[in-house]
């Protein structure tokens, strides 16, 4: 996504969700989105096997009685 597409996406999402969409806020969210997009692209290029990191197993705590 380029900068204008990111701004349009953030604005459309905020309006759809009923969140405030003033210009300074949209610009801040778009800046965070752009950084996250760059991090995701960098991580996507790392060649790791799926079993390299074991997933955490969900174990709910027992409720004390």
PDB file of N, CA and C in Angstrom:
ATOM      1  N   UNK A   1       0.836  -1.181   0.000  1.00  0.00           N
ATOM      2  CA  UNK A   1       0.000   0.000   0.000  1.00  0.00           C
ATOM      3  C   UNK A   1       0.883   1.248   0.000  1.00  0.00           C
ATOM      4  N   UNK A   2       0.479   2.220  -0.772  1.00  0.00           N
ATOM      5  CA  UNK A   2       1.208   3.478  -0.719  1.00  0.00           C
ATOM      6  C   UNK A   2       0.567   4.392   0.329  1.00  0.00           C
ATOM      7  N   UNK A   3       1.152   5.570   0.547  1.00  0.00           N
ATOM      8  CA  UNK A   3       0.691   6.464   1.610  1.00  0.00           C
ATOM      9  C   UNK A   3      -0.772   6.872   1.458  1.00  0.00           C
ATOM     10  N   UNK A   4      -1.194   7.192   0.251  1.00  0.00           N
ATOM     11  CA  UNK A   4      -2.583   7.628   0.071  1.00  0.00           C
ATOM     12  C   UNK A   4      -3.561   6.471   0.300  1.00  0.00           C
ATOM     13  N   UNK A   5      -3.170   5.266  -0.090  1.00  0.00           N
ATOM     14  CA  UNK A   5      -4.026   4.100   0.151  1.00  0.00           C
ATOM     15  C   UNK A   5      -4.148   3.803   1.646  1.00  0.00           C
ATOM     16  N   UNK A   6      -3.049   3.968   2.376  1.00  0.00           N
ATOM     17  CA  UNK A   6      -3.082   3.752   3.823  1.00  0.00           C
ATOM     18  C   UNK A   6      -4.016   4.767   4.482  1.00  0.00           C
ATOM     19  N   UNK A   7      -3.906   6.022   4.084  1.00  0.00           N
ATOM     20  CA  UNK A   7      -4.789   7.051   4.643  1.00  0.00           C
ATOM     21  C   UNK A   7      -6.250   6.747   4.345  1.00  0.00           C
ATOM     22  N   UNK A   8      -6.551   6.358   3.119  1.00  0.00           N
ATOM     23  CA  UNK A   8      -7.922   6.015   2.753  1.00  0.00           C
ATOM     24  C   UNK A   8      -8.420   4.819   3.569  1.00  0.00           C
ATOM     25  N   UNK A   9      -7.565   3.833   3.755  1.00  0.00           N
ATOM     26  CA  UNK A   9      -7.936   2.637   4.520  1.00  0.00           C
ATOM     27  C   UNK A   9      -8.241   2.997   5.972  1.00  0.00           C
ATOM     28  N   UNK A  10      -7.351   3.767   6.590  1.00  0.00           N
ATOM     29  CA  UNK A  10      -7.539   4.161   7.988  1.00  0.00           C
ATOM     30  C   UNK A  10      -8.807   4.992   8.140  1.00  0.00           C
ATOM     31  N   UNK A  11      -9.031   5.921   7.237  1.00  0.00           N
ATOM     32  CA  UNK A  11     -10.225   6.760   7.299  1.00  0.00           C
ATOM     33  C   UNK A  11     -11.488   5.918   7.127  1.00  0.00           C
ATOM     34  N   UNK A  12     -11.495   5.013   6.156  1.00  0.00           N
ATOM     35  CA  UNK A  12     -12.664   4.162   5.916  1.00  0.00           C
ATOM     36  C   UNK A  12     -12.947   3.267   7.123  1.00  0.00           C
ATOM     37  N   UNK A  13     -11.906   2.693   7.713  1.00  0.00           N
ATOM     38  CA  UNK A  13     -12.090   1.824   8.880  1.00  0.00           C
ATOM     39  C   UNK A  13     -12.614   2.610  10.074  1.00  0.00           C
ATOM     40  N   UNK A  14     -12.063   3.792  10.302  1.00  0.00           N
ATOM     41  CA  UNK A  14     -12.510   4.575  11.450  1.00  0.00           C
ATOM     42  C   UNK A  14     -13.961   5.003  11.290  1.00  0.00           C
ATOM     43  N   UNK A  15     -14.352   5.385  10.085  1.00  0.00           N
ATOM     44  CA  UNK A  15     -15.741   5.769   9.855  1.00  0.00           C
ATOM     45  C   UNK A  15     -16.669   4.562   9.988  1.00  0.00           C
ATOM     46  N   UNK A  16     -16.226   3.421   9.488  1.00  0.00           N
ATOM     47  CA  UNK A  16     -17.027   2.199   9.566  1.00  0.00           C
ATOM     48  C   UNK A  16     -17.235   1.756  11.011  1.00  0.00           C
ATOM     49  N   UNK A  17     -16.214   1.948  11.842  1.00  0.00           N
ATOM     50  CA  UNK A  17     -16.289   1.537  13.241  1.00  0.00           C
ATOM     51  C   UNK A  17     -16.862   2.622  14.148  1.00  0.00           C
ATOM     52  N   UNK A  18     -17.132   3.787  13.588  1.00  0.00           N
ATOM     53  CA  UNK A  18     -17.679   4.880  14.379  1.00  0.00           C
ATOM     54  C   UNK A  18     -16.659   5.527  15.297  1.00  0.00           C
ATOM     55  N   UNK A  19     -15.392   5.476  14.918  1.00  0.00           N
ATOM     56  CA  UNK A  19     -14.325   6.077  15.712  1.00  0.00           C
ATOM     57  C   UNK A  19     -14.047   7.493  15.225  1.00  0.00           C
ATOM     58  N   UNK A  20     -13.478   8.323  16.085  1.00  0.00           N
ATOM     59  CA  UNK A  20     -13.140   9.680  15.652  1.00  0.00           C
ATOM     60  C   UNK A  20     -12.184   9.644  14.462  1.00  0.00           C
ATOM     61  N   UNK A  21     -12.434  10.499  13.483  1.00  0.00           N
ATOM     62  CA  UNK A  21     -11.627  10.476  12.257  1.00  0.00           C
ATOM     63  C   UNK A  21     -11.127  11.867  11.899  1.00  0.00           C
ATOM     64  N   UNK A  22     -10.699  12.623  12.913  1.00  0.00           N
ATOM     65  CA  UNK A  22     -10.133  13.936  12.606  1.00  0.00           C
ATOM     66  C   UNK A  22      -8.761  13.750  11.966  1.00  0.00           C
ATOM     67  N   UNK A  23      -8.330  14.734  11.205  1.00  0.00           N
ATOM     68  CA  UNK A  23      -7.107  14.609  10.397  1.00  0.00           C
ATOM     69  C   UNK A  23      -5.859  14.235  11.211  1.00  0.00           C
ATOM     70  N   UNK A  24      -5.587  14.897  12.349  1.00  0.00           N
ATOM     71  CA  UNK A  24      -4.368  14.518  13.096  1.00  0.00           C
ATOM     72  C   UNK A  24      -4.391  13.063  13.575  1.00  0.00           C
ATOM     73  N   UNK A  25      -5.559  12.611  14.004  1.00  0.00           N
ATOM     74  CA  UNK A  25      -5.675  11.233  14.494  1.00  0.00           C
ATOM     75  C   UNK A  25      -5.476  10.234  13.362  1.00  0.00           C
ATOM     76  N   UNK A  26      -6.078  10.501  12.216  1.00  0.00           N
ATOM     77  CA  UNK A  26      -5.948   9.606  11.060  1.00  0.00           C
ATOM     78  C   UNK A  26      -4.486   9.544  10.622  1.00  0.00           C
ATOM     79  N   UNK A  27      -3.805  10.677  10.636  1.00  0.00           N
ATOM     80  CA  UNK A  27      -2.391  10.696  10.250  1.00  0.00           C
ATOM     81  C   UNK A  27      -1.532   9.886  11.222  1.00  0.00           C
ATOM     82  N   UNK A  28      -1.824   9.989  12.518  1.00  0.00           N
ATOM     83  CA  UNK A  28      -1.063   9.212  13.515  1.00  0.00           C
ATOM     84  C   UNK A  28      -1.295   7.715  13.335  1.00  0.00           C
ATOM     85  N   UNK A  29      -2.546   7.326  13.165  1.00  0.00           N
ATOM     86  CA  UNK A  29      -2.847   5.898  12.988  1.00  0.00           C
ATOM     87  C   UNK A  29      -2.210   5.382  11.703  1.00  0.00           C
ATOM     88  N   UNK A  30      -2.256   6.181  10.643  1.00  0.00           N
ATOM     89  CA  UNK A  30      -1.641   5.786   9.372  1.00  0.00           C
ATOM     90  C   UNK A  30      -0.132   5.611   9.527  1.00  0.00           C
ATOM     91  N   UNK A  31       0.502   6.462  10.322  1.00  0.00           N
ATOM     92  CA  UNK A  31       1.949   6.338  10.554  1.00  0.00           C
ATOM     93  C   UNK A  31       2.261   5.024  11.281  1.00  0.00           C
ATOM     94  N   UNK A  32       1.448   4.683  12.282  1.00  0.00           N
ATOM     95  CA  UNK A  32       1.641   3.406  12.985  1.00  0.00           C
ATOM     96  C   UNK A  32       1.403   2.233  12.035  1.00  0.00           C
ATOM     97  N   UNK A  33       0.372   2.337  11.230  1.00  0.00           N
ATOM     98  CA  UNK A  33       0.055   1.280  10.262  1.00  0.00           C
ATOM     99  C   UNK A  33       1.225   1.066   9.305  1.00  0.00           C
ATOM    100  N   UNK A  34       1.824   2.158   8.853  1.00  0.00           N
ATOM    101  CA  UNK A  34       2.952   2.069   7.916  1.00  0.00           C
ATOM    102  C   UNK A  34       4.146   1.377   8.569  1.00  0.00           C
ATOM    103  N   UNK A  35       4.408   1.688   9.853  1.00  0.00           N
ATOM    104  CA  UNK A  35       5.511   1.022  10.569  1.00  0.00           C
ATOM    105  C   UNK A  35       5.231  -0.465  10.742  1.00  0.00           C
ATOM    106  N   UNK A  36       3.991  -0.810  11.087  1.00  0.00           N
ATOM    107  CA  UNK A  36       3.630  -2.215  11.261  1.00  0.00           C
ATOM    108  C   UNK A  36       3.747  -2.960   9.939  1.00  0.00           C
ATOM    109  N   UNK A  37       3.353  -2.306   8.855  1.00  0.00           N
ATOM    110  CA  UNK A  37       3.461  -2.913   7.533  1.00  0.00           C
ATOM    111  C   UNK A  37       4.926  -3.207   7.200  1.00  0.00           C
ATOM    112  N   UNK A  38       5.826  -2.283   7.524  1.00  0.00           N
ATOM    113  CA  UNK A  38       7.256  -2.489   7.265  1.00  0.00           C
ATOM    114  C   UNK A  38       7.801  -3.644   8.100  1.00  0.00           C
ATOM    115  N   UNK A  39       7.370  -3.730   9.369  1.00  0.00           N
ATOM    116  CA  UNK A  39       7.817  -4.839  10.224  1.00  0.00           C
ATOM    117  C   UNK A  39       7.313  -6.176   9.690  1.00  0.00           C
ATOM    118  N   UNK A  40       6.068  -6.213   9.256  1.00  0.00           N
ATOM    119  CA  UNK A  40       5.496  -7.452   8.720  1.00  0.00           C
ATOM    120  C   UNK A  40       6.226  -7.893   7.456  1.00  0.00           C
ATOM    121  N   UNK A  41       6.581  -6.948   6.595  1.00  0.00           N
ATOM    122  CA  UNK A  41       7.322  -7.293   5.383  1.00  0.00           C
ATOM    123  C   UNK A  41       8.695  -7.842   5.724  1.00  0.00           C
ATOM    124  N   UNK A  42       9.355  -7.247   6.721  1.00  0.00           N
ATOM    125  CA  UNK A  42      10.679  -7.733   7.125  1.00  0.00           C
ATOM    126  C   UNK A  42      10.576  -9.143   7.703  1.00  0.00           C
ATOM    127  N   UNK A  43       9.585  -9.383   8.540  1.00  0.00           N
ATOM    128  CA  UNK A  43       9.411 -10.712   9.133  1.00  0.00           C
ATOM    129  C   UNK A  43       9.020 -11.745   8.089  1.00  0.00           C
ATOM    130  N   UNK A  44       8.280 -11.308   7.086  1.00  0.00           N
ATOM    131  CA  UNK A  44       7.842 -12.224   6.035  1.00  0.00           C
ATOM    132  C   UNK A  44       9.026 -12.752   5.229  1.00  0.00           C
ATOM    133  N   UNK A  45      10.134 -12.028   5.209  1.00  0.00           N
ATOM    134  CA  UNK A  45      11.299 -12.432   4.433  1.00  0.00           C
ATOM    135  C   UNK A  45      12.237 -13.362   5.204  1.00  0.00           C
ATOM    136  N   UNK A  46      11.978 -13.547   6.493  1.00  0.00           N
ATOM    137  CA  UNK A  46      12.815 -14.442   7.304  1.00  0.00           C
ATOM    138  C   UNK A  46      12.422 -15.880   6.986  1.00  0.00           C
ATOM    139  N   UNK A  47      13.414 -16.676   6.666  1.00  0.00           N
ATOM    140  CA  UNK A  47      13.161 -18.064   6.318  1.00  0.00           C
ATOM    141  C   UNK A  47      13.265 -18.930   7.570  1.00  0.00           C
ATOM    142  N   UNK A  48      12.136 -19.207   8.188  1.00  0.00           N
ATOM    143  CA  UNK A  48      12.094 -20.026   9.401  1.00  0.00           C
ATOM    144  C   UNK A  48      11.132 -21.186   9.197  1.00  0.00           C
ATOM    145  N   UNK A  49      11.509 -22.294   9.711  1.00  0.00           N
ATOM    146  CA  UNK A  49      10.615 -23.446   9.672  1.00  0.00           C
ATOM    147  C   UNK A  49       9.480 -23.220  10.669  1.00  0.00           C
ATOM    148  N   UNK A  50       8.317 -23.750  10.360  1.00  0.00           N
ATOM    149  CA  UNK A  50       7.145 -23.544  11.207  1.00  0.00           C
ATOM    150  C   UNK A  50       7.347 -24.134  12.598  1.00  0.00           C
ATOM    151  N   UNK A  51       8.141 -25.184  12.709  1.00  0.00           N
ATOM    152  CA  UNK A  51       8.339 -25.824  14.007  1.00  0.00           C
ATOM    153  C   UNK A  51       9.524 -25.248  14.781  1.00  0.00           C
ATOM    154  N   UNK A  52      10.116 -24.163  14.309  1.00  0.00           N
ATOM    155  CA  UNK A  52      11.249 -23.559  14.987  1.00  0.00           C
ATOM    156  C   UNK A  52      10.850 -23.027  16.359  1.00  0.00           C
ATOM    157  N   UNK A  53       9.696 -22.406  16.438  1.00  0.00           N
ATOM    158  CA  UNK A  53       9.220 -21.891  17.714  1.00  0.00           C
ATOM    159  C   UNK A  53       7.931 -22.613  18.083  1.00  0.00           C
ATOM    160  N   UNK A  54       7.953 -23.305  19.185  1.00  0.00           N
ATOM    161  CA  UNK A  54       6.786 -24.065  19.611  1.00  0.00           C
ATOM    162  C   UNK A  54       5.682 -23.119  20.062  1.00  0.00           C
ATOM    163  N   UNK A  55       4.460 -23.375  19.649  1.00  0.00           N
ATOM    164  CA  UNK A  55       3.357 -22.522  20.077  1.00  0.00           C
ATOM    165  C   UNK A  55       3.055 -22.735  21.558  1.00  0.00           C
ATOM    166  N   UNK A  56       2.574 -21.687  22.184  1.00  0.00           N
ATOM    167  CA  UNK A  56       2.200 -21.782  23.590  1.00  0.00           C
ATOM    168  C   UNK A  56       0.894 -22.567  23.695  1.00  0.00           C
ATOM    169  N   UNK A  57       0.826 -23.452  24.631  1.00  0.00           N
ATOM    170  CA  UNK A  57      -0.375 -24.266  24.815  1.00  0.00           C
ATOM    171  C   UNK A  57      -1.291 -23.553  25.798  1.00  0.00           C
ATOM    172  N   UNK A  58      -2.551 -23.421  25.432  1.00  0.00           N
ATOM    173  CA  UNK A  58      -3.520 -22.753  26.287  1.00  0.00           C
ATOM    174  C   UNK A  58      -3.915 -23.674  27.422  1.00  0.00           C
ATOM    175  N   UNK A  59      -3.657 -23.253  28.632  1.00  0.00           N
ATOM    176  CA  UNK A  59      -4.027 -24.008  29.825  1.00  0.00           C
ATOM    177  C   UNK A  59      -4.708 -23.048  30.790  1.00  0.00           C
ATOM    178  N   UNK A  60      -6.032 -23.041  30.798  1.00  0.00           N
ATOM    179  CA  UNK A  60      -6.716 -22.117  31.715  1.00  0.00           C
ATOM    180  C   UNK A  60      -6.441 -22.481  33.161  1.00  0.00           C
ATOM    181  N   UNK A  61      -6.383 -21.448  34.007  1.00  0.00           N
ATOM    182  CA  UNK A  61      -6.160 -21.694  35.422  1.00  0.00           C
ATOM    183  C   UNK A  61      -7.423 -22.301  36.027  1.00  0.00           C
ATOM    184  N   UNK A  62      -7.219 -23.194  36.951  1.00  0.00           N
ATOM    185  CA  UNK A  62      -8.345 -23.807  37.633  1.00  0.00           C
ATOM    186  C   UNK A  62      -8.958 -22.782  38.591  1.00  0.00           C
ATOM    187  N   UNK A  63     -10.260 -22.794  38.665  1.00  0.00           N
ATOM    188  CA  UNK A  63     -10.970 -21.899  39.568  1.00  0.00           C
ATOM    189  C   UNK A  63     -10.948 -22.511  40.959  1.00  0.00           C
ATOM    190  N   UNK A  64     -10.459 -21.753  41.926  1.00  0.00           N
ATOM    191  CA  UNK A  64     -10.411 -22.258  43.304  1.00  0.00           C
ATOM    192  C   UNK A  64     -11.808 -22.341  43.877  1.00  0.00           C
ATOM    193  N   UNK A  65     -12.064 -23.404  44.597  1.00  0.00           N
ATOM    194  CA  UNK A  65     -13.392 -23.576  45.181  1.00  0.00           C
ATOM    195  C   UNK A  65     -13.326 -23.569  46.674  1.00  0.00           C
TER     196      UNK A  65
END
